[in-house]
Every structure is written in C-alpha cells, then in structure tokens.
PDB file of N, CA and C in Angstrom:
ATOM      1  N   MET A   1       7.736 185.083  98.128  1.00  0.00           N
ATOM      2  CA  MET A   1       6.701 186.095  97.665  1.00  0.00           C
ATOM      3  C   MET A   1       6.121 186.802  98.888  1.00  0.00           C
ATOM      4  N   GLN A   2       5.978 188.113  98.798  1.00  0.00           N
ATOM      5  CA  GLN A   2       5.423 188.893  99.878  1.00  0.00           C
ATOM      6  C   GLN A   2       3.903 188.834  99.759  1.00  0.00           C
ATOM      7  N   THR A   3       3.292 189.076 100.932  1.00  0.00           N
ATOM      8  CA  THR A   3       1.857 189.166 101.005  1.00  0.00           C
ATOM      9  C   THR A   3       1.454 190.539 101.539  1.00  0.00           C
ATOM     10  N   LEU A   4       0.499 191.141 100.886  1.00  0.00           N
ATOM     11  CA  LEU A   4      -0.066 192.479 101.359  1.00  0.00           C
ATOM     12  C   LEU A   4      -1.539 192.283 101.619  1.00  0.00           C
ATOM     13  N   ASP A   5      -1.886 192.292 102.903  1.00  0.00           N
ATOM     14  CA  ASP A   5      -3.329 192.104 103.338  1.00  0.00           C
ATOM     15  C   ASP A   5      -3.884 193.511 103.418  1.00  0.00           C
ATOM     16  N   ALA A   6      -4.566 193.944 102.313  1.00  0.00           N
ATOM     17  CA  ALA A   6      -5.219 195.248 102.307  1.00  0.00           C
ATOM     18  C   ALA A   6      -6.762 195.082 102.485  1.00  0.00           C
ATOM     19  N   SER A   7      -7.136 194.025 103.081  1.00  0.00           N
ATOM     20  CA  SER A   7      -8.591 193.828 103.209  1.00  0.00           C
ATOM     21  C   SER A   7      -9.264 194.713 104.262  1.00  0.00           C
ATOM     22  N   ALA A   8      -8.582 195.368 105.045  1.00  0.00           N
ATOM     23  CA  ALA A   8      -9.141 196.316 106.051  1.00  0.00           C
ATOM     24  C   ALA A   8      -9.179 197.774 105.566  1.00  0.00           C
ATOM     25  N   TRP A   9      -8.504 197.957 104.373  1.00  0.00           N
ATOM     26  CA  TRP A   9      -8.345 199.371 103.865  1.00  0.00           C
ATOM     27  C   TRP A   9      -9.394 199.599 102.734  1.00  0.00           C
ATOM     28  N   ARG A  10      -9.814 200.903 102.683  1.00  0.00           N
ATOM     29  CA  ARG A  10     -10.636 201.314 101.678  1.00  0.00           C
ATOM     30  C   ARG A  10      -9.885 202.043 100.594  1.00  0.00           C
ATOM     31  N   CYS A  11     -10.491 202.112  99.373  1.00  0.00           N
ATOM     32  CA  CYS A  11      -9.902 202.882  98.269  1.00  0.00           C
ATOM     33  C   CYS A  11      -9.673 204.287  98.637  1.00  0.00           C
ATOM     34  N   PRO A  12      -8.596 204.875  98.382  1.00  0.00           N
ATOM     35  CA  PRO A  12      -7.463 204.507  97.452  1.00  0.00           C
ATOM     36  C   PRO A  12      -6.283 203.880  98.192  1.00  0.00           C
ATOM     37  N   LEU A  13      -6.257 203.708  99.424  1.00  0.00           N
ATOM     38  CA  LEU A  13      -5.116 203.176 100.203  1.00  0.00           C
ATOM     39  C   LEU A  13      -4.547 201.885  99.637  1.00  0.00           C
ATOM     40  N   PRO A  14      -5.314 200.881  99.316  1.00  0.00           N
ATOM     41  CA  PRO A  14      -4.762 199.619  98.776  1.00  0.00           C
ATOM     42  C   PRO A  14      -4.032 199.939  97.445  1.00  0.00           C
ATOM     43  N   LEU A  15      -4.513 200.786  96.595  1.00  0.00           N
ATOM     44  CA  LEU A  15      -3.762 201.152  95.328  1.00  0.00           C
ATOM     45  C   LEU A  15      -2.471 201.840  95.616  1.00  0.00           C
ATOM     46  N   LEU A  16      -2.486 202.705  96.586  1.00  0.00           N
ATOM     47  CA  LEU A  16      -1.218 203.544  96.936  1.00  0.00           C
ATOM     48  C   LEU A  16      -0.236 202.550  97.446  1.00  0.00           C
ATOM     49  N   LYS A  17      -0.632 201.583  98.268  1.00  0.00           N
ATOM     50  CA  LYS A  17       0.343 200.616  98.807  1.00  0.00           C
ATOM     51  C   LYS A  17       0.926 199.672  97.719  1.00  0.00           C
ATOM     52  N   VAL A  18       0.092 199.355  96.738  1.00  0.00           N
ATOM     53  CA  VAL A  18       0.577 198.491  95.604  1.00  0.00           C
ATOM     54  C   VAL A  18       1.511 199.315  94.802  1.00  0.00           C
ATOM     55  N   LYS A  19       1.216 200.658  94.557  1.00  0.00           N
ATOM     56  CA  LYS A  19       2.123 201.467  93.839  1.00  0.00           C
ATOM     57  C   LYS A  19       3.526 201.630  94.525  1.00  0.00           C
ATOM     58  N   LEU A  20       3.513 201.710  95.806  1.00  0.00           N
ATOM     59  CA  LEU A  20       4.766 201.755  96.673  1.00  0.00           C
ATOM     60  C   LEU A  20       5.567 200.443  96.448  1.00  0.00           C
ATOM     61  N   TRP A  21       4.816 199.319  96.533  1.00  0.00           N
ATOM     62  CA  TRP A  21       5.447 198.043  96.363  1.00  0.00           C
ATOM     63  C   TRP A  21       6.082 197.954  94.997  1.00  0.00           C
ATOM     64  N   LEU A  22       5.398 198.361  93.892  1.00  0.00           N
ATOM     65  CA  LEU A  22       5.805 198.270  92.593  1.00  0.00           C
ATOM     66  C   LEU A  22       7.160 199.172  92.402  1.00  0.00           C
ATOM     67  N   LYS A  23       7.115 200.351  93.082  1.00  0.00           N
ATOM     68  CA  LYS A  23       8.311 201.188  92.982  1.00  0.00           C
ATOM     69  C   LYS A  23       9.596 200.480  93.515  1.00  0.00           C
ATOM     70  N   ALA A  24       9.420 199.712  94.567  1.00  0.00           N
ATOM     71  CA  ALA A  24      10.530 199.088  95.268  1.00  0.00           C
ATOM     72  C   ALA A  24      10.844 197.766  94.685  1.00  0.00           C
ATOM     73  N   ALA A  25       9.964 197.093  94.060  1.00  0.00           N
ATOM     74  CA  ALA A  25      10.193 195.733  93.584  1.00  0.00           C
ATOM     75  C   ALA A  25      10.978 195.608  92.331  1.00  0.00           C
ATOM     76  N   GLN A  26      11.707 194.476  92.128  1.00  0.00           N
ATOM     77  CA  GLN A  26      12.417 194.240  90.886  1.00  0.00           C
ATOM     78  C   GLN A  26      11.450 193.572  89.910  1.00  0.00           C
ATOM     79  N   GLY A  27      11.791 193.647  88.648  1.00  0.00           N
ATOM     80  CA  GLY A  27      11.000 192.966  87.660  1.00  0.00           C
ATOM     81  C   GLY A  27      10.900 191.480  87.855  1.00  0.00           C
ATOM     82  N   GLY A  28       9.742 190.896  87.800  1.00  0.00           N
ATOM     83  CA  GLY A  28       9.540 189.504  88.008  1.00  0.00           C
ATOM     84  C   GLY A  28       9.184 189.104  89.362  1.00  0.00           C
ATOM     85  N   GLN A  29       9.377 190.115  90.374  1.00  0.00           N
ATOM     86  CA  GLN A  29       8.916 189.829  91.699  1.00  0.00           C
ATOM     87  C   GLN A  29       7.423 189.712  91.842  1.00  0.00           C
ATOM     88  N   GLN A  30       6.938 188.955  92.755  1.00  0.00           N
ATOM     89  CA  GLN A  30       5.485 188.705  92.912  1.00  0.00           C
ATOM     90  C   GLN A  30       5.051 189.203  94.318  1.00  0.00           C
ATOM     91  N   LEU A  31       3.742 189.537  94.336  1.00  0.00           N
ATOM     92  CA  LEU A  31       3.096 189.975  95.494  1.00  0.00           C
ATOM     93  C   LEU A  31       1.732 189.368  95.527  1.00  0.00           C
ATOM     94  N   GLN A  32       1.381 188.768  96.737  1.00  0.00           N
ATOM     95  CA  GLN A  32       0.090 188.281  96.906  1.00  0.00           C
ATOM     96  C   GLN A  32      -0.726 189.334  97.567  1.00  0.00           C
ATOM     97  N   LEU A  33      -1.820 189.777  97.006  1.00  0.00           N
ATOM     98  CA  LEU A  33      -2.624 190.922  97.422  1.00  0.00           C
ATOM     99  C   LEU A  33      -3.993 190.469  97.836  1.00  0.00           C
ATOM    100  N   LEU A  34      -4.445 190.769  98.965  1.00  0.00           N
ATOM    101  CA  LEU A  34      -5.865 190.537  99.476  1.00  0.00           C
ATOM    102  C   LEU A  34      -6.539 191.836  99.578  1.00  0.00           C
ATOM    103  N   ILE A  35      -7.662 191.940  98.899  1.00  0.00           N
ATOM    104  CA  ILE A  35      -8.451 193.107  98.903  1.00  0.00           C
ATOM    105  C   ILE A  35      -9.928 192.824  99.063  1.00  0.00           C
ATOM    106  N   ALA A  36     -10.635 193.697  99.841  1.00  0.00           N
ATOM    107  CA  ALA A  36     -12.117 193.468 100.062  1.00  0.00           C
ATOM    108  C   ALA A  36     -12.911 194.621  99.545  1.00  0.00           C
ATOM    109  N   ASP A  37     -12.324 195.834  99.555  1.00  0.00           N
ATOM    110  CA  ASP A  37     -13.066 197.017  99.101  1.00  0.00           C
ATOM    111  C   ASP A  37     -13.568 196.831  97.673  1.00  0.00           C
ATOM    112  N   ALA A  38     -14.749 197.178  97.399  1.00  0.00           N
ATOM    113  CA  ALA A  38     -15.371 196.936  96.055  1.00  0.00           C
ATOM    114  C   ALA A  38     -14.699 197.844  94.981  1.00  0.00           C
ATOM    115  N   GLY A  39     -14.388 199.071  95.327  1.00  0.00           N
ATOM    116  CA  GLY A  39     -13.690 199.919  94.306  1.00  0.00           C
ATOM    117  C   GLY A  39     -12.292 199.360  94.007  1.00  0.00           C
ATOM    118  N   SER A  40     -11.553 198.959  95.081  1.00  0.00           N
ATOM    119  CA  SER A  40     -10.242 198.408  94.881  1.00  0.00           C
ATOM    120  C   SER A  40     -10.239 197.119  94.035  1.00  0.00           C
ATOM    121  N   ARG A  41     -11.279 196.368  94.204  1.00  0.00           N
ATOM    122  CA  ARG A  41     -11.390 195.049  93.526  1.00  0.00           C
ATOM    123  C   ARG A  41     -11.478 195.279  92.017  1.00  0.00           C
ATOM    124  N   GLN A  42     -12.078 196.414  91.561  1.00  0.00           N
ATOM    125  CA  GLN A  42     -12.128 196.730  90.261  1.00  0.00           C
ATOM    126  C   GLN A  42     -10.987 197.528  89.700  1.00  0.00           C
ATOM    127  N   ASP A  43     -10.579 198.475  90.514  1.00  0.00           N
ATOM    128  CA  ASP A  43      -9.602 199.442  90.054  1.00  0.00           C
ATOM    129  C   ASP A  43      -8.165 198.897  89.911  1.00  0.00           C
ATOM    130  N   ILE A  44      -7.777 198.095  90.986  1.00  0.00           N
ATOM    131  CA  ILE A  44      -6.419 197.613  91.030  1.00  0.00           C
ATOM    132  C   ILE A  44      -6.002 196.704  89.904  1.00  0.00           C
ATOM    133  N   PRO A  45      -6.793 195.603  89.582  1.00  0.00           N
ATOM    134  CA  PRO A  45      -6.506 194.777  88.451  1.00  0.00           C
ATOM    135  C   PRO A  45      -6.451 195.550  87.125  1.00  0.00           C
ATOM    136  N   ALA A  46      -7.410 196.466  87.024  1.00  0.00           N
ATOM    137  CA  ALA A  46      -7.430 197.278  85.759  1.00  0.00           C
ATOM    138  C   ALA A  46      -6.137 198.143  85.637  1.00  0.00           C
ATOM    139  N   TYR A  47      -5.776 198.758  86.693  1.00  0.00           N
ATOM    140  CA  TYR A  47      -4.569 199.668  86.688  1.00  0.00           C
ATOM    141  C   TYR A  47      -3.377 198.824  86.377  1.00  0.00           C
ATOM    142  N   LEU A  48      -3.214 197.627  86.986  1.00  0.00           N
ATOM    143  CA  LEU A  48      -2.028 196.814  86.837  1.00  0.00           C
ATOM    144  C   LEU A  48      -1.888 196.331  85.429  1.00  0.00           C
ATOM    145  N   LEU A  49      -2.975 195.940  84.836  1.00  0.00           N
ATOM    146  CA  LEU A  49      -2.955 195.398  83.459  1.00  0.00           C
ATOM    147  C   LEU A  49      -2.637 196.577  82.499  1.00  0.00           C
ATOM    148  N   ARG A  50      -3.187 197.789  82.772  1.00  0.00           N
ATOM    149  CA  ARG A  50      -2.897 198.923  81.914  1.00  0.00           C
ATOM    150  C   ARG A  50      -1.359 199.271  81.932  1.00  0.00           C
ATOM    151  N   MET A  51      -0.775 199.092  83.096  1.00  0.00           N
ATOM    152  CA  MET A  51       0.648 199.324  83.295  1.00  0.00           C
ATOM    153  C   MET A  51       1.526 198.250  82.812  1.00  0.00           C
ATOM    154  N   GLY A  52       0.986 197.137  82.361  1.00  0.00           N
ATOM    155  CA  GLY A  52       1.825 196.076  81.771  1.00  0.00           C
ATOM    156  C   GLY A  52       2.267 194.981  82.749  1.00  0.00           C
ATOM    157  N   HIS A  53       1.735 194.990  83.996  1.00  0.00           N
ATOM    158  CA  HIS A  53       2.006 194.008  84.894  1.00  0.00           C
ATOM    159  C   HIS A  53       1.113 192.750  84.776  1.00  0.00           C
ATOM    160  N   SER A  54       1.518 191.628  85.281  1.00  0.00           N
ATOM    161  CA  SER A  54       0.711 190.441  85.176  1.00  0.00           C
ATOM    162  C   SER A  54      -0.150 190.296  86.482  1.00  0.00           C
ATOM    163  N   VAL A  55      -1.427 190.009  86.303  1.00  0.00           N
ATOM    164  CA  VAL A  55      -2.355 189.818  87.362  1.00  0.00           C
ATOM    165  C   VAL A  55      -2.990 188.483  87.295  1.00  0.00           C
ATOM    166  N   THR A  56      -2.990 187.647  88.280  1.00  0.00           N
ATOM    167  CA  THR A  56      -3.686 186.288  88.291  1.00  0.00           C
ATOM    168  C   THR A  56      -4.644 186.383  89.479  1.00  0.00           C
ATOM    169  N   ARG A  57      -5.921 186.024  89.205  1.00  0.00           N
ATOM    170  CA  ARG A  57      -6.840 185.973  90.261  1.00  0.00           C
ATOM    171  C   ARG A  57      -6.771 184.567  90.854  1.00  0.00           C
ATOM    172  N   VAL A  58      -6.470 184.476  92.091  1.00  0.00           N
ATOM    173  CA  VAL A  58      -6.257 183.183  92.815  1.00  0.00           C
ATOM    174  C   VAL A  58      -7.596 182.778  93.285  1.00  0.00           C
ATOM    175  N   SER A  59      -8.384 183.590  93.986  1.00  0.00           N
ATOM    176  CA  SER A  59      -9.642 183.337  94.479  1.00  0.00           C
ATOM    177  C   SER A  59     -10.497 184.565  94.548  1.00  0.00           C
ATOM    178  N   GLU A  60     -11.765 184.426  94.343  1.00  0.00           N
ATOM    179  CA  GLU A  60     -12.711 185.510  94.394  1.00  0.00           C
ATOM    180  C   GLU A  60     -13.911 185.048  95.119  1.00  0.00           C
ATOM    181  N   GLU A  61     -14.090 185.549  96.328  1.00  0.00           N
ATOM    182  CA  GLU A  61     -15.190 185.205  97.201  1.00  0.00           C
ATOM    183  C   GLU A  61     -16.041 186.488  97.311  1.00  0.00           C
ATOM    184  N   THR A  62     -17.157 186.353  98.074  1.00  0.00           N
ATOM    185  CA  THR A  62     -18.097 187.444  98.205  1.00  0.00           C
ATOM    186  C   THR A  62     -17.403 188.710  98.689  1.00  0.00           C
ATOM    187  N   ASN A  63     -16.592 188.595  99.664  1.00  0.00           N
ATOM    188  CA  ASN A  63     -16.004 189.786 100.295  1.00  0.00           C
ATOM    189  C   ASN A  63     -14.539 189.883 100.171  1.00  0.00           C
ATOM    190  N   MET A  64     -13.879 189.003  99.400  1.00  0.00           N
ATOM    191  CA  MET A  64     -12.392 189.017  99.376  1.00  0.00           C
ATOM    192  C   MET A  64     -11.920 188.565  97.982  1.00  0.00           C
ATOM    193  N   LEU A  65     -10.986 189.297  97.446  1.00  0.00           N
ATOM    194  CA  LEU A  65     -10.300 188.998  96.184  1.00  0.00           C
ATOM    195  C   LEU A  65      -8.804 188.758  96.472  1.00  0.00           C
ATOM    196  N   THR A  66      -8.267 187.687  96.041  1.00  0.00           N
ATOM    197  CA  THR A  66      -6.852 187.396  96.228  1.00  0.00           C
ATOM    198  C   THR A  66      -6.206 187.398  94.899  1.00  0.00           C
ATOM    199  N   LEU A  67      -5.185 188.248  94.656  1.00  0.00           N
ATOM    200  CA  LEU A  67      -4.425 188.357  93.429  1.00  0.00           C
ATOM    201  C   LEU A  67      -2.968 188.043  93.589  1.00  0.00           C
ATOM    202  N   ILE A  68      -2.415 187.556  92.639  1.00  0.00           N
ATOM    203  CA  ILE A  68      -0.890 187.437  92.481  1.00  0.00           C
ATOM    204  C   ILE A  68      -0.425 188.455  91.426  1.00  0.00           C
ATOM    205  N   ILE A  69       0.345 189.372  91.821  1.00  0.00           N
ATOM    206  CA  ILE A  69       0.807 190.450  90.975  1.00  0.00           C
ATOM    207  C   ILE A  69       2.303 190.116  90.693  1.00  0.00           C
ATOM    208  N   THR A  70       2.595 190.142  89.359  1.00  0.00           N
ATOM    209  CA  THR A  70       4.016 189.932  88.961  1.00  0.00           C
ATOM    210  C   THR A  70       4.423 191.279  88.285  1.00  0.00           C
ATOM    211  N   LYS A  71       5.433 191.884  88.825  1.00  0.00           N
ATOM    212  CA  LYS A  71       5.935 193.138  88.216  1.00  0.00           C
ATOM    213  C   LYS A  71       6.551 192.901  86.932  1.00  0.00           C
ATOM    214  N   ALA A  72       6.232 193.792  85.974  1.00  0.00           N
ATOM    215  CA  ALA A  72       6.761 193.706  84.589  1.00  0.00           C
ATOM    216  C   ALA A  72       8.228 194.005  84.707  1.00  0.00           C
ATOM    217  N   PRO A  73       9.067 193.459  83.748  1.00  0.00           N
ATOM    218  CA  PRO A  73      10.509 193.639  83.779  1.00  0.00           C
ATOM    219  C   PRO A  73      10.828 195.118  83.492  1.00  0.00           C
TER     220      PRO A  73
END
C-alpha cells in the first residue's frame, strides 16, 4: 500500500494528487492518505464516495485525518 502525506498541502492540491493517483492505480489498489487541511478533510472523502471508491477513516485527530482509499474496479 502506498502512502501519500498531504498534510502540508492546502486545498485543492491534496485532491489533485489523489486524482492523479486514481488515474494511475488499478482497481482494488489502496492508498493511505494523510490530510490536515480543513477543506480537504471534508471534500476528499465526499468526492471519493461520489465517484464510487471505498473510503475508510483510520484515525481522526484535531489536526490530522488518515484515510484508506480503495480504488473501485
């Protein structure tokens, strides 16, 4: 599983990086994503679910959200 630490980036850069990963990934591949930006913390999970991908919240702290994204087949 790859890890993308996007905690230092502000919206929309984390979403753009996730979209690039989705374009290159095979169905069923997973990505661990770390995000801190408040906008990204709301927008990215909503976008992924809307697009049919699986999103699991691993941990949610005050300043950090860790997700496991599984690309849809």
